Amino acid sequence: MIKTVVFDIYGTLFDINSVQEKCEKLFPGNGEKIAKAWRHKLIEYTHVRQLVDQYKPFSKVIKDSLEYVLDRNDFDYSLSDVNECVEEYYRLQVFPEVTQSLNDISHIDKVIFSNGNQEMIQKVLKHSNIDSSFKHILALEEFGMYKPNSNGYVLLEERIPYEKQKILFVSSNKWDIVGAQKFGFKTAWINRNFSEFEYIEVEPDFEFQSIYGVKNLM
């Protein structure tokens, strides 16, 4: 029986592409292009920094990755433009089914596990009025690491008073599922884009197209 459900935030509960509207406003005709490239570069930067042991706060890597995208594509921008886009991470749109899905499993302990910092996480949760749904928040910025560093999952396990078999780890990010699966958690991959899970020798225990599916496991 599942006793705790652990949720990733970015791309799982909140739609990262919701920054596109602000990007479009500041860079007309390029909002989608910038938003997608920004997300890709952000993930790349965190993974490379983890590999070479050069940690930088996630909030700053968000800014660095956006500036790279703007510079690489020769956009004319100001510091104010960058700050406006970065601030959208505090106001991301929650996916449509998330609020009801969290209510459906209100009897189960729920935990947030994220690369962000406490302030970022608390603000975005409060913005969508789902902050009261979670018992704990584990922000890896506090420990100077990013997922899928295995030490992060160790810290997560230490915060939850149940055996691994009673913990369900939920994420839309394949690399996050791989980290949690290899560590020994039960995993549910939220495959919103109907893509393939191509990692060799690792597969999620469950696969859903939205958070709705999680309640069926309770």
N, C-alpha and C. Protein backbone atom coordinates (compact mmCIF):
# COMPACT_ATOMS: atom_id res chain seq x y z
N MET A 1 0.84 -1.20 0.00
CA MET A 1 0.00 0.00 0.00
C MET A 1 0.87 1.25 0.00
N ILE A 2 0.52 2.21 -0.84
CA ILE A 2 1.27 3.46 -0.92
C ILE A 2 0.94 4.34 0.27
N LYS A 3 1.96 4.79 0.98
CA LYS A 3 1.78 5.66 2.13
C LYS A 3 2.17 7.11 1.85
N THR A 4 3.08 7.31 0.89
CA THR A 4 3.54 8.66 0.54
C THR A 4 3.72 8.76 -0.96
N VAL A 5 3.28 9.87 -1.53
CA VAL A 5 3.50 10.14 -2.94
C VAL A 5 4.44 11.35 -3.04
N VAL A 6 5.53 11.16 -3.76
CA VAL A 6 6.52 12.22 -3.97
C VAL A 6 6.33 12.80 -5.35
N PHE A 7 6.22 14.12 -5.43
CA PHE A 7 6.01 14.79 -6.71
C PHE A 7 7.18 15.69 -7.08
N ASP A 8 7.63 15.54 -8.30
CA ASP A 8 8.46 16.57 -8.92
C ASP A 8 7.53 17.74 -9.24
N ILE A 9 8.11 18.93 -9.42
CA ILE A 9 7.28 20.10 -9.73
C ILE A 9 7.27 20.44 -11.22
N TYR A 10 8.47 20.76 -11.74
CA TYR A 10 8.56 21.37 -13.06
C TYR A 10 8.30 20.37 -14.19
N GLY A 11 7.20 20.58 -14.89
CA GLY A 11 6.80 19.68 -15.96
C GLY A 11 5.87 18.57 -15.49
N THR A 12 5.79 18.38 -14.17
CA THR A 12 4.95 17.34 -13.61
C THR A 12 3.65 17.93 -13.05
N LEU A 13 3.80 18.86 -12.12
CA LEU A 13 2.63 19.57 -11.59
C LEU A 13 2.39 20.88 -12.33
N PHE A 14 3.47 21.51 -12.75
CA PHE A 14 3.38 22.82 -13.39
C PHE A 14 3.90 22.78 -14.82
N ASP A 15 3.19 23.50 -15.67
CA ASP A 15 3.52 23.54 -17.09
C ASP A 15 4.64 24.54 -17.35
N ILE A 16 5.83 24.02 -17.62
CA ILE A 16 6.98 24.88 -17.88
C ILE A 16 6.73 25.76 -19.10
N ASN A 17 5.97 25.27 -20.05
CA ASN A 17 5.72 26.05 -21.27
C ASN A 17 4.84 27.26 -21.03
N SER A 18 4.34 27.42 -19.80
CA SER A 18 3.53 28.60 -19.52
C SER A 18 4.36 29.88 -19.47
N VAL A 19 5.70 29.75 -19.49
CA VAL A 19 6.55 30.94 -19.60
C VAL A 19 6.49 31.51 -21.02
N GLN A 20 5.94 30.70 -21.92
CA GLN A 20 5.90 31.10 -23.33
C GLN A 20 5.14 32.41 -23.54
N GLU A 21 4.07 32.62 -22.80
CA GLU A 21 3.27 33.83 -22.97
C GLU A 21 4.09 35.09 -22.69
N LYS A 22 4.86 35.05 -21.61
CA LYS A 22 5.72 36.21 -21.29
C LYS A 22 6.81 36.38 -22.34
N CYS A 23 7.41 35.29 -22.77
CA CYS A 23 8.44 35.36 -23.80
C CYS A 23 7.88 35.94 -25.10
N GLU A 24 6.67 35.54 -25.43
CA GLU A 24 6.02 36.05 -26.64
C GLU A 24 5.76 37.55 -26.54
N LYS A 25 5.36 37.99 -25.37
CA LYS A 25 5.07 39.40 -25.17
C LYS A 25 6.32 40.25 -25.34
N LEU A 26 7.44 39.74 -24.84
CA LEU A 26 8.70 40.50 -24.90
C LEU A 26 9.43 40.32 -26.23
N PHE A 27 9.23 39.15 -26.86
CA PHE A 27 9.91 38.83 -28.12
C PHE A 27 8.88 38.30 -29.11
N PRO A 28 8.05 39.17 -29.65
CA PRO A 28 6.92 38.76 -30.50
C PRO A 28 7.33 37.80 -31.62
N GLY A 29 6.56 36.72 -31.76
CA GLY A 29 6.82 35.74 -32.80
C GLY A 29 7.83 34.68 -32.41
N ASN A 30 8.40 34.81 -31.21
CA ASN A 30 9.46 33.89 -30.80
C ASN A 30 9.22 33.22 -29.45
N GLY A 31 8.04 33.42 -28.90
CA GLY A 31 7.76 32.90 -27.56
C GLY A 31 7.94 31.41 -27.43
N GLU A 32 7.37 30.65 -28.36
CA GLU A 32 7.47 29.19 -28.29
C GLU A 32 8.91 28.73 -28.46
N LYS A 33 9.59 29.31 -29.41
CA LYS A 33 10.99 28.95 -29.68
C LYS A 33 11.86 29.18 -28.45
N ILE A 34 11.70 30.34 -27.83
CA ILE A 34 12.51 30.68 -26.66
C ILE A 34 12.18 29.76 -25.49
N ALA A 35 10.90 29.55 -25.23
CA ALA A 35 10.49 28.73 -24.09
C ALA A 35 11.03 27.30 -24.19
N LYS A 36 10.95 26.70 -25.36
CA LYS A 36 11.43 25.33 -25.53
C LYS A 36 12.95 25.25 -25.41
N ALA A 37 13.64 26.19 -26.03
CA ALA A 37 15.11 26.19 -25.96
C ALA A 37 15.59 26.47 -24.55
N TRP A 38 14.89 27.33 -23.85
CA TRP A 38 15.22 27.67 -22.47
C TRP A 38 15.14 26.44 -21.57
N ARG A 39 14.06 25.70 -21.67
CA ARG A 39 13.88 24.50 -20.87
C ARG A 39 14.97 23.47 -21.18
N HIS A 40 15.24 23.26 -22.46
CA HIS A 40 16.28 22.31 -22.87
C HIS A 40 17.63 22.69 -22.29
N LYS A 41 17.99 23.96 -22.39
CA LYS A 41 19.29 24.42 -21.92
C LYS A 41 19.37 24.36 -20.40
N LEU A 42 18.27 24.64 -19.71
CA LEU A 42 18.25 24.57 -18.25
C LEU A 42 18.57 23.16 -17.77
N ILE A 43 17.95 22.17 -18.38
CA ILE A 43 18.21 20.78 -18.00
C ILE A 43 19.66 20.41 -18.30
N GLU A 44 20.13 20.82 -19.46
CA GLU A 44 21.52 20.53 -19.84
C GLU A 44 22.50 21.14 -18.85
N TYR A 45 22.28 22.40 -18.49
CA TYR A 45 23.19 23.09 -17.56
C TYR A 45 23.24 22.39 -16.20
N THR A 46 22.07 21.99 -15.66
CA THR A 46 22.09 21.33 -14.36
C THR A 46 22.79 19.98 -14.42
N HIS A 47 22.57 19.24 -15.50
CA HIS A 47 23.21 17.93 -15.62
C HIS A 47 24.73 18.06 -15.76
N VAL A 48 25.18 18.99 -16.57
CA VAL A 48 26.62 19.16 -16.75
C VAL A 48 27.27 19.66 -15.47
N ARG A 49 26.64 20.62 -14.81
CA ARG A 49 27.20 21.14 -13.55
C ARG A 49 27.28 20.04 -12.50
N GLN A 50 26.28 19.14 -12.48
CA GLN A 50 26.32 18.02 -11.54
C GLN A 50 27.48 17.09 -11.86
N LEU A 51 27.70 16.83 -13.13
CA LEU A 51 28.75 15.91 -13.54
C LEU A 51 30.15 16.43 -13.20
N VAL A 52 30.35 17.74 -13.33
CA VAL A 52 31.68 18.31 -13.10
C VAL A 52 31.79 18.94 -11.72
N ASP A 53 30.77 18.72 -10.88
CA ASP A 53 30.78 19.18 -9.50
C ASP A 53 30.99 20.71 -9.40
N GLN A 54 30.24 21.43 -10.20
CA GLN A 54 30.27 22.90 -10.13
C GLN A 54 28.84 23.40 -9.91
N TYR A 55 28.39 23.23 -8.70
CA TYR A 55 27.02 23.59 -8.37
C TYR A 55 26.82 25.11 -8.42
N LYS A 56 25.64 25.49 -8.87
CA LYS A 56 25.21 26.87 -8.87
C LYS A 56 23.72 26.84 -8.53
N PRO A 57 23.23 27.75 -7.69
CA PRO A 57 21.81 27.73 -7.32
C PRO A 57 20.90 27.64 -8.53
N PHE A 58 19.89 26.80 -8.43
CA PHE A 58 18.97 26.55 -9.52
C PHE A 58 18.36 27.85 -10.06
N SER A 59 18.04 28.76 -9.15
CA SER A 59 17.44 30.02 -9.55
C SER A 59 18.37 30.81 -10.48
N LYS A 60 19.66 30.68 -10.27
CA LYS A 60 20.63 31.38 -11.12
C LYS A 60 20.85 30.64 -12.44
N VAL A 61 20.77 29.32 -12.40
CA VAL A 61 20.92 28.54 -13.63
C VAL A 61 19.74 28.81 -14.56
N ILE A 62 18.58 29.05 -14.00
CA ILE A 62 17.41 29.43 -14.81
C ILE A 62 17.73 30.69 -15.60
N LYS A 63 18.31 31.66 -14.93
CA LYS A 63 18.68 32.93 -15.57
C LYS A 63 19.79 32.73 -16.61
N ASP A 64 20.82 31.97 -16.25
CA ASP A 64 21.94 31.72 -17.17
C ASP A 64 21.46 31.06 -18.46
N SER A 65 20.58 30.08 -18.33
CA SER A 65 20.13 29.33 -19.50
C SER A 65 19.28 30.21 -20.42
N LEU A 66 18.48 31.09 -19.84
CA LEU A 66 17.70 32.02 -20.67
C LEU A 66 18.61 32.99 -21.40
N GLU A 67 19.59 33.54 -20.70
CA GLU A 67 20.51 34.49 -21.33
C GLU A 67 21.27 33.83 -22.48
N TYR A 68 21.64 32.55 -22.29
CA TYR A 68 22.31 31.84 -23.38
C TYR A 68 21.43 31.78 -24.61
N VAL A 69 20.17 31.40 -24.42
CA VAL A 69 19.25 31.27 -25.55
C VAL A 69 19.07 32.61 -26.26
N LEU A 70 18.93 33.67 -25.49
CA LEU A 70 18.74 35.00 -26.09
C LEU A 70 19.99 35.45 -26.84
N ASP A 71 21.14 35.21 -26.24
CA ASP A 71 22.41 35.58 -26.89
C ASP A 71 22.65 34.75 -28.14
N ARG A 72 22.40 33.46 -28.03
CA ARG A 72 22.67 32.54 -29.14
C ARG A 72 21.83 32.88 -30.36
N ASN A 73 20.64 33.42 -30.12
CA ASN A 73 19.74 33.75 -31.21
C ASN A 73 19.71 35.25 -31.54
N ASP A 74 20.69 35.97 -30.99
CA ASP A 74 20.88 37.39 -31.31
C ASP A 74 19.66 38.26 -31.01
N PHE A 75 18.99 37.97 -29.90
CA PHE A 75 17.88 38.82 -29.49
C PHE A 75 18.42 40.06 -28.77
N ASP A 76 17.79 41.16 -29.00
CA ASP A 76 18.11 42.40 -28.29
C ASP A 76 17.27 42.40 -27.01
N TYR A 77 17.92 42.36 -25.87
CA TYR A 77 17.17 42.27 -24.61
C TYR A 77 17.85 43.07 -23.51
N SER A 78 17.09 43.33 -22.45
CA SER A 78 17.60 44.06 -21.30
C SER A 78 17.56 43.16 -20.07
N LEU A 79 18.20 43.59 -19.01
CA LEU A 79 18.17 42.85 -17.75
C LEU A 79 16.73 42.75 -17.25
N SER A 80 15.97 43.79 -17.49
CA SER A 80 14.57 43.79 -17.09
C SER A 80 13.79 42.70 -17.82
N ASP A 81 14.08 42.52 -19.11
CA ASP A 81 13.42 41.46 -19.89
C ASP A 81 13.71 40.09 -19.29
N VAL A 82 14.97 39.87 -18.96
CA VAL A 82 15.38 38.58 -18.39
C VAL A 82 14.68 38.35 -17.05
N ASN A 83 14.68 39.37 -16.21
CA ASN A 83 14.06 39.23 -14.90
C ASN A 83 12.56 38.96 -15.00
N GLU A 84 11.91 39.60 -15.97
CA GLU A 84 10.47 39.37 -16.16
C GLU A 84 10.20 37.93 -16.54
N CYS A 85 11.02 37.38 -17.42
CA CYS A 85 10.84 35.99 -17.83
C CYS A 85 11.11 35.03 -16.67
N VAL A 86 12.20 35.28 -15.95
CA VAL A 86 12.55 34.42 -14.82
C VAL A 86 11.48 34.44 -13.75
N GLU A 87 10.87 35.60 -13.54
CA GLU A 87 9.81 35.72 -12.53
C GLU A 87 8.62 34.82 -12.85
N GLU A 88 8.47 34.46 -14.11
CA GLU A 88 7.35 33.59 -14.49
C GLU A 88 7.46 32.21 -13.83
N TYR A 89 8.67 31.84 -13.41
CA TYR A 89 8.83 30.56 -12.71
C TYR A 89 8.13 30.56 -11.36
N TYR A 90 7.81 31.74 -10.85
CA TYR A 90 7.07 31.85 -9.60
C TYR A 90 5.56 31.85 -9.84
N ARG A 91 5.18 31.90 -11.12
CA ARG A 91 3.75 31.98 -11.47
C ARG A 91 3.39 30.97 -12.56
N LEU A 92 4.06 29.86 -12.59
CA LEU A 92 3.77 28.84 -13.59
C LEU A 92 2.33 28.35 -13.45
N GLN A 93 1.75 27.94 -14.57
CA GLN A 93 0.38 27.43 -14.56
C GLN A 93 0.38 25.95 -14.18
N VAL A 94 -0.48 25.62 -13.24
CA VAL A 94 -0.63 24.22 -12.85
C VAL A 94 -1.38 23.49 -13.97
N PHE A 95 -1.03 22.23 -14.22
CA PHE A 95 -1.76 21.46 -15.22
C PHE A 95 -3.23 21.30 -14.77
N PRO A 96 -4.16 21.24 -15.73
CA PRO A 96 -5.59 21.30 -15.41
C PRO A 96 -6.10 20.27 -14.41
N GLU A 97 -5.52 19.06 -14.43
CA GLU A 97 -6.05 17.99 -13.59
C GLU A 97 -5.42 17.92 -12.20
N VAL A 98 -4.39 18.73 -11.96
CA VAL A 98 -3.59 18.56 -10.75
C VAL A 98 -4.36 18.82 -9.46
N THR A 99 -5.07 19.94 -9.39
CA THR A 99 -5.76 20.29 -8.15
C THR A 99 -6.75 19.21 -7.72
N GLN A 100 -7.57 18.76 -8.65
CA GLN A 100 -8.54 17.72 -8.33
C GLN A 100 -7.85 16.41 -7.97
N SER A 101 -6.79 16.10 -8.68
CA SER A 101 -6.07 14.85 -8.42
C SER A 101 -5.47 14.85 -7.01
N LEU A 102 -4.93 15.98 -6.59
CA LEU A 102 -4.38 16.09 -5.24
C LEU A 102 -5.48 15.94 -4.20
N ASN A 103 -6.63 16.52 -4.48
CA ASN A 103 -7.76 16.38 -3.57
C ASN A 103 -8.23 14.93 -3.46
N ASP A 104 -8.16 14.22 -4.58
CA ASP A 104 -8.60 12.83 -4.60
C ASP A 104 -7.72 11.92 -3.73
N ILE A 105 -6.49 12.33 -3.50
CA ILE A 105 -5.60 11.53 -2.65
C ILE A 105 -5.22 12.33 -1.39
N SER A 106 -6.17 13.08 -0.89
CA SER A 106 -5.93 13.93 0.29
C SER A 106 -5.58 13.11 1.53
N HIS A 107 -5.96 11.83 1.54
CA HIS A 107 -5.68 10.96 2.69
C HIS A 107 -4.25 10.42 2.68
N ILE A 108 -3.51 10.69 1.61
CA ILE A 108 -2.14 10.19 1.46
C ILE A 108 -1.15 11.34 1.68
N ASP A 109 -0.06 11.07 2.41
CA ASP A 109 0.99 12.08 2.57
C ASP A 109 1.60 12.40 1.21
N LYS A 110 1.82 13.67 0.96
CA LYS A 110 2.40 14.10 -0.31
C LYS A 110 3.62 14.99 -0.05
N VAL A 111 4.65 14.77 -0.85
CA VAL A 111 5.92 15.46 -0.66
C VAL A 111 6.37 16.07 -1.99
N ILE A 112 6.95 17.26 -1.91
CA ILE A 112 7.57 17.89 -3.08
C ILE A 112 9.07 17.64 -3.04
N PHE A 113 9.63 17.25 -4.19
CA PHE A 113 11.07 16.99 -4.31
C PHE A 113 11.55 17.73 -5.55
N SER A 114 12.38 18.76 -5.36
CA SER A 114 12.69 19.65 -6.48
C SER A 114 14.12 20.18 -6.42
N ASN A 115 14.61 20.55 -7.60
CA ASN A 115 15.92 21.20 -7.69
C ASN A 115 15.87 22.65 -7.23
N GLY A 116 14.69 23.22 -7.12
CA GLY A 116 14.55 24.62 -6.76
C GLY A 116 14.83 24.91 -5.30
N ASN A 117 14.62 26.16 -4.90
CA ASN A 117 14.77 26.52 -3.50
C ASN A 117 13.40 26.66 -2.84
N GLN A 118 13.41 26.75 -1.53
CA GLN A 118 12.16 26.80 -0.77
C GLN A 118 11.27 27.97 -1.22
N GLU A 119 11.87 29.14 -1.43
CA GLU A 119 11.08 30.31 -1.80
C GLU A 119 10.39 30.11 -3.14
N MET A 120 11.13 29.63 -4.13
CA MET A 120 10.55 29.37 -5.44
C MET A 120 9.39 28.40 -5.35
N ILE A 121 9.63 27.30 -4.65
CA ILE A 121 8.62 26.25 -4.56
C ILE A 121 7.38 26.74 -3.84
N GLN A 122 7.57 27.38 -2.70
CA GLN A 122 6.44 27.85 -1.92
C GLN A 122 5.61 28.88 -2.67
N LYS A 123 6.28 29.75 -3.42
CA LYS A 123 5.56 30.78 -4.16
C LYS A 123 4.72 30.20 -5.29
N VAL A 124 5.29 29.25 -6.03
CA VAL A 124 4.54 28.69 -7.15
C VAL A 124 3.40 27.80 -6.66
N LEU A 125 3.60 27.12 -5.54
CA LEU A 125 2.52 26.32 -4.96
C LEU A 125 1.39 27.22 -4.46
N LYS A 126 1.76 28.30 -3.80
CA LYS A 126 0.77 29.23 -3.27
C LYS A 126 0.02 29.93 -4.39
N HIS A 127 0.73 30.24 -5.48
CA HIS A 127 0.11 30.92 -6.62
C HIS A 127 -1.06 30.11 -7.17
N SER A 128 -0.95 28.79 -7.13
CA SER A 128 -2.01 27.91 -7.64
C SER A 128 -2.89 27.34 -6.54
N ASN A 129 -2.68 27.82 -5.32
CA ASN A 129 -3.52 27.40 -4.18
C ASN A 129 -3.46 25.90 -3.89
N ILE A 130 -2.29 25.31 -4.09
CA ILE A 130 -2.15 23.89 -3.75
C ILE A 130 -1.08 23.68 -2.67
N ASP A 131 -0.63 24.75 -2.05
CA ASP A 131 0.43 24.67 -1.06
C ASP A 131 0.05 23.82 0.16
N SER A 132 -1.23 23.83 0.51
CA SER A 132 -1.66 23.08 1.69
C SER A 132 -1.76 21.57 1.43
N SER A 133 -1.55 21.16 0.19
CA SER A 133 -1.68 19.74 -0.15
C SER A 133 -0.47 18.91 0.26
N PHE A 134 0.64 19.58 0.58
CA PHE A 134 1.89 18.86 0.76
C PHE A 134 2.40 18.90 2.21
N LYS A 135 2.84 17.74 2.66
CA LYS A 135 3.33 17.62 4.04
C LYS A 135 4.74 18.13 4.17
N HIS A 136 5.59 17.85 3.17
CA HIS A 136 6.99 18.27 3.22
C HIS A 136 7.42 18.82 1.86
N ILE A 137 8.44 19.67 1.89
CA ILE A 137 9.12 20.14 0.68
C ILE A 137 10.60 19.87 0.85
N LEU A 138 11.17 19.10 -0.07
CA LEU A 138 12.62 18.89 -0.06
C LEU A 138 13.19 19.64 -1.25
N ALA A 139 13.87 20.74 -0.95
CA ALA A 139 14.47 21.59 -1.98
C ALA A 139 15.97 21.30 -2.03
N LEU A 140 16.43 20.72 -3.13
CA LEU A 140 17.83 20.29 -3.21
C LEU A 140 18.81 21.45 -3.28
N GLU A 141 18.34 22.65 -3.59
CA GLU A 141 19.24 23.80 -3.57
C GLU A 141 19.84 23.98 -2.18
N GLU A 142 19.09 23.57 -1.18
CA GLU A 142 19.57 23.66 0.21
C GLU A 142 20.82 22.82 0.42
N PHE A 143 20.97 21.75 -0.37
CA PHE A 143 22.08 20.82 -0.20
C PHE A 143 23.13 20.93 -1.31
N GLY A 144 22.93 21.87 -2.23
CA GLY A 144 23.92 22.09 -3.28
C GLY A 144 24.04 20.96 -4.27
N MET A 145 22.90 20.42 -4.72
CA MET A 145 22.93 19.35 -5.71
C MET A 145 21.67 19.41 -6.56
N TYR A 146 21.70 18.66 -7.67
CA TYR A 146 20.53 18.56 -8.54
C TYR A 146 20.16 17.08 -8.71
N LYS A 147 18.89 16.84 -8.96
CA LYS A 147 18.49 15.52 -9.44
C LYS A 147 19.06 15.34 -10.85
N PRO A 148 19.45 14.11 -11.22
CA PRO A 148 19.23 12.83 -10.52
C PRO A 148 20.42 12.33 -9.71
N ASN A 149 21.14 13.22 -9.02
CA ASN A 149 22.20 12.79 -8.12
C ASN A 149 21.62 11.81 -7.10
N SER A 150 22.24 10.65 -6.97
CA SER A 150 21.69 9.62 -6.08
C SER A 150 21.62 10.08 -4.63
N ASN A 151 22.50 10.99 -4.24
CA ASN A 151 22.48 11.50 -2.87
C ASN A 151 21.18 12.25 -2.57
N GLY A 152 20.60 12.83 -3.60
CA GLY A 152 19.33 13.53 -3.42
C GLY A 152 18.22 12.58 -3.01
N TYR A 153 18.19 11.40 -3.61
CA TYR A 153 17.16 10.42 -3.29
C TYR A 153 17.39 9.83 -1.89
N VAL A 154 18.66 9.79 -1.47
CA VAL A 154 18.98 9.38 -0.11
C VAL A 154 18.36 10.36 0.88
N LEU A 155 18.55 11.65 0.62
CA LEU A 155 17.98 12.69 1.48
C LEU A 155 16.46 12.60 1.51
N LEU A 156 15.88 12.31 0.37
CA LEU A 156 14.43 12.17 0.30
C LEU A 156 13.97 11.00 1.17
N GLU A 157 14.63 9.87 1.05
CA GLU A 157 14.25 8.70 1.84
C GLU A 157 14.32 9.00 3.33
N GLU A 158 15.31 9.79 3.73
CA GLU A 158 15.48 10.11 5.15
C GLU A 158 14.34 10.96 5.70
N ARG A 159 13.65 11.68 4.80
CA ARG A 159 12.55 12.55 5.23
C ARG A 159 11.21 11.82 5.33
N ILE A 160 11.16 10.61 4.81
CA ILE A 160 9.88 9.89 4.75
C ILE A 160 9.93 8.67 5.68
N PRO A 161 8.99 8.57 6.61
CA PRO A 161 9.03 7.50 7.62
C PRO A 161 8.44 6.17 7.16
N TYR A 162 8.65 5.83 5.88
CA TYR A 162 8.12 4.57 5.37
C TYR A 162 9.18 3.87 4.52
N GLU A 163 9.01 2.58 4.34
CA GLU A 163 9.92 1.82 3.49
C GLU A 163 9.74 2.24 2.03
N LYS A 164 10.77 2.01 1.24
CA LYS A 164 10.74 2.40 -0.18
C LYS A 164 9.53 1.83 -0.91
N GLN A 165 9.14 0.61 -0.55
CA GLN A 165 8.05 -0.06 -1.25
C GLN A 165 6.71 0.66 -1.04
N LYS A 166 6.65 1.54 -0.05
CA LYS A 166 5.41 2.26 0.26
C LYS A 166 5.46 3.71 -0.22
N ILE A 167 6.48 4.01 -1.02
CA ILE A 167 6.65 5.36 -1.56
C ILE A 167 6.48 5.33 -3.07
N LEU A 168 5.66 6.20 -3.60
CA LEU A 168 5.48 6.32 -5.05
C LEU A 168 6.10 7.63 -5.49
N PHE A 169 7.01 7.56 -6.44
CA PHE A 169 7.72 8.73 -6.96
C PHE A 169 7.12 9.09 -8.31
N VAL A 170 6.64 10.33 -8.44
CA VAL A 170 5.92 10.76 -9.64
C VAL A 170 6.67 11.89 -10.33
N SER A 171 6.97 11.71 -11.61
CA SER A 171 7.65 12.75 -12.38
C SER A 171 7.36 12.60 -13.86
N SER A 172 7.40 13.71 -14.57
CA SER A 172 7.27 13.68 -16.03
C SER A 172 8.64 13.61 -16.69
N ASN A 173 9.69 13.82 -15.91
CA ASN A 173 11.05 13.85 -16.45
C ASN A 173 11.68 12.46 -16.43
N LYS A 174 12.07 11.97 -17.59
CA LYS A 174 12.60 10.62 -17.69
C LYS A 174 13.84 10.42 -16.81
N TRP A 175 14.74 11.39 -16.85
CA TRP A 175 15.97 11.26 -16.07
C TRP A 175 15.68 11.21 -14.56
N ASP A 176 14.61 11.86 -14.13
CA ASP A 176 14.22 11.84 -12.73
C ASP A 176 13.65 10.46 -12.38
N ILE A 177 12.87 9.91 -13.27
CA ILE A 177 12.34 8.56 -13.06
C ILE A 177 13.48 7.55 -12.99
N VAL A 178 14.47 7.71 -13.86
CA VAL A 178 15.62 6.79 -13.84
C VAL A 178 16.32 6.85 -12.48
N GLY A 179 16.57 8.08 -11.98
CA GLY A 179 17.23 8.23 -10.70
C GLY A 179 16.46 7.58 -9.56
N ALA A 180 15.16 7.82 -9.53
CA ALA A 180 14.33 7.26 -8.47
C ALA A 180 14.19 5.75 -8.59
N GLN A 181 14.06 5.26 -9.83
CA GLN A 181 13.90 3.83 -10.07
C GLN A 181 15.17 3.07 -9.67
N LYS A 182 16.32 3.60 -10.04
CA LYS A 182 17.59 2.96 -9.70
C LYS A 182 17.83 2.97 -8.19
N PHE A 183 17.28 3.98 -7.52
CA PHE A 183 17.44 4.06 -6.07
C PHE A 183 16.54 3.07 -5.35
N GLY A 184 15.45 2.68 -6.00
CA GLY A 184 14.58 1.67 -5.42
C GLY A 184 13.16 2.10 -5.13
N PHE A 185 12.80 3.33 -5.51
CA PHE A 185 11.43 3.78 -5.32
C PHE A 185 10.52 3.19 -6.39
N LYS A 186 9.25 3.02 -6.07
CA LYS A 186 8.25 2.75 -7.09
C LYS A 186 8.04 4.06 -7.85
N THR A 187 7.93 3.97 -9.17
CA THR A 187 7.85 5.20 -9.96
C THR A 187 6.63 5.22 -10.87
N ALA A 188 6.11 6.42 -11.07
CA ALA A 188 5.03 6.65 -12.02
C ALA A 188 5.47 7.77 -12.94
N TRP A 189 5.61 7.44 -14.20
CA TRP A 189 6.04 8.42 -15.20
C TRP A 189 4.80 9.08 -15.82
N ILE A 190 4.76 10.41 -15.77
CA ILE A 190 3.67 11.16 -16.37
C ILE A 190 4.09 11.52 -17.79
N ASN A 191 3.60 10.75 -18.73
CA ASN A 191 4.00 10.87 -20.13
C ASN A 191 2.98 11.73 -20.89
N ARG A 192 3.03 13.02 -20.69
CA ARG A 192 2.06 13.93 -21.30
C ARG A 192 2.21 14.03 -22.81
N ASN A 193 3.41 13.75 -23.31
CA ASN A 193 3.68 13.93 -24.74
C ASN A 193 3.63 12.64 -25.54
N PHE A 194 3.20 11.55 -24.90
CA PHE A 194 3.09 10.25 -25.57
C PHE A 194 4.42 9.85 -26.23
N SER A 195 5.50 10.05 -25.50
CA SER A 195 6.82 9.71 -26.02
C SER A 195 7.23 8.32 -25.54
N GLU A 196 8.41 7.87 -25.94
CA GLU A 196 8.90 6.56 -25.54
C GLU A 196 9.89 6.69 -24.39
N PHE A 197 9.86 5.72 -23.49
CA PHE A 197 10.84 5.69 -22.40
C PHE A 197 12.01 4.83 -22.87
N GLU A 198 13.01 5.51 -23.42
CA GLU A 198 14.04 4.79 -24.17
C GLU A 198 15.27 4.41 -23.35
N TYR A 199 15.26 4.66 -22.04
CA TYR A 199 16.45 4.34 -21.26
C TYR A 199 16.62 2.83 -21.11
N ILE A 200 17.82 2.35 -21.39
CA ILE A 200 18.11 0.92 -21.35
C ILE A 200 18.13 0.42 -19.91
N GLU A 201 17.49 -0.73 -19.69
CA GLU A 201 17.49 -1.45 -18.42
C GLU A 201 16.76 -0.73 -17.30
N VAL A 202 16.03 0.32 -17.63
CA VAL A 202 15.23 1.02 -16.62
C VAL A 202 13.87 1.32 -17.22
N GLU A 203 12.83 0.97 -16.49
CA GLU A 203 11.47 1.29 -16.91
C GLU A 203 10.67 1.72 -15.69
N PRO A 204 9.77 2.69 -15.83
CA PRO A 204 8.92 3.07 -14.70
C PRO A 204 7.96 1.94 -14.36
N ASP A 205 7.55 1.89 -13.11
CA ASP A 205 6.58 0.87 -12.70
C ASP A 205 5.22 1.13 -13.30
N PHE A 206 4.90 2.43 -13.44
CA PHE A 206 3.60 2.82 -13.98
C PHE A 206 3.79 3.99 -14.96
N GLU A 207 2.87 4.09 -15.89
CA GLU A 207 2.92 5.18 -16.87
C GLU A 207 1.50 5.73 -17.06
N PHE A 208 1.38 7.06 -16.93
CA PHE A 208 0.09 7.71 -17.11
C PHE A 208 0.26 8.94 -18.00
N GLN A 209 -0.82 9.36 -18.61
CA GLN A 209 -0.78 10.57 -19.43
C GLN A 209 -1.06 11.83 -18.61
N SER A 210 -1.51 11.66 -17.38
CA SER A 210 -1.74 12.80 -16.50
C SER A 210 -1.68 12.33 -15.05
N ILE A 211 -1.76 13.28 -14.12
CA ILE A 211 -1.72 12.96 -12.71
C ILE A 211 -2.96 12.17 -12.27
N TYR A 212 -4.04 12.26 -13.04
CA TYR A 212 -5.26 11.53 -12.71
C TYR A 212 -5.00 10.06 -12.42
N GLY A 213 -4.07 9.46 -13.15
CA GLY A 213 -3.83 8.03 -13.01
C GLY A 213 -3.30 7.62 -11.66
N VAL A 214 -2.67 8.54 -10.96
CA VAL A 214 -2.04 8.21 -9.69
C VAL A 214 -3.04 7.71 -8.65
N LYS A 215 -4.22 8.31 -8.64
CA LYS A 215 -5.20 7.95 -7.60
C LYS A 215 -5.62 6.48 -7.71
N ASN A 216 -5.50 5.89 -8.88
CA ASN A 216 -5.89 4.49 -9.06
C ASN A 216 -4.95 3.52 -8.37
N LEU A 217 -3.80 4.03 -7.91
CA LEU A 217 -2.81 3.20 -7.24
C LEU A 217 -2.96 3.23 -5.73
N MET A 218 -3.85 4.09 -5.23
CA MET A 218 -3.98 4.27 -3.79
C MET A 218 -4.89 3.19 -3.19
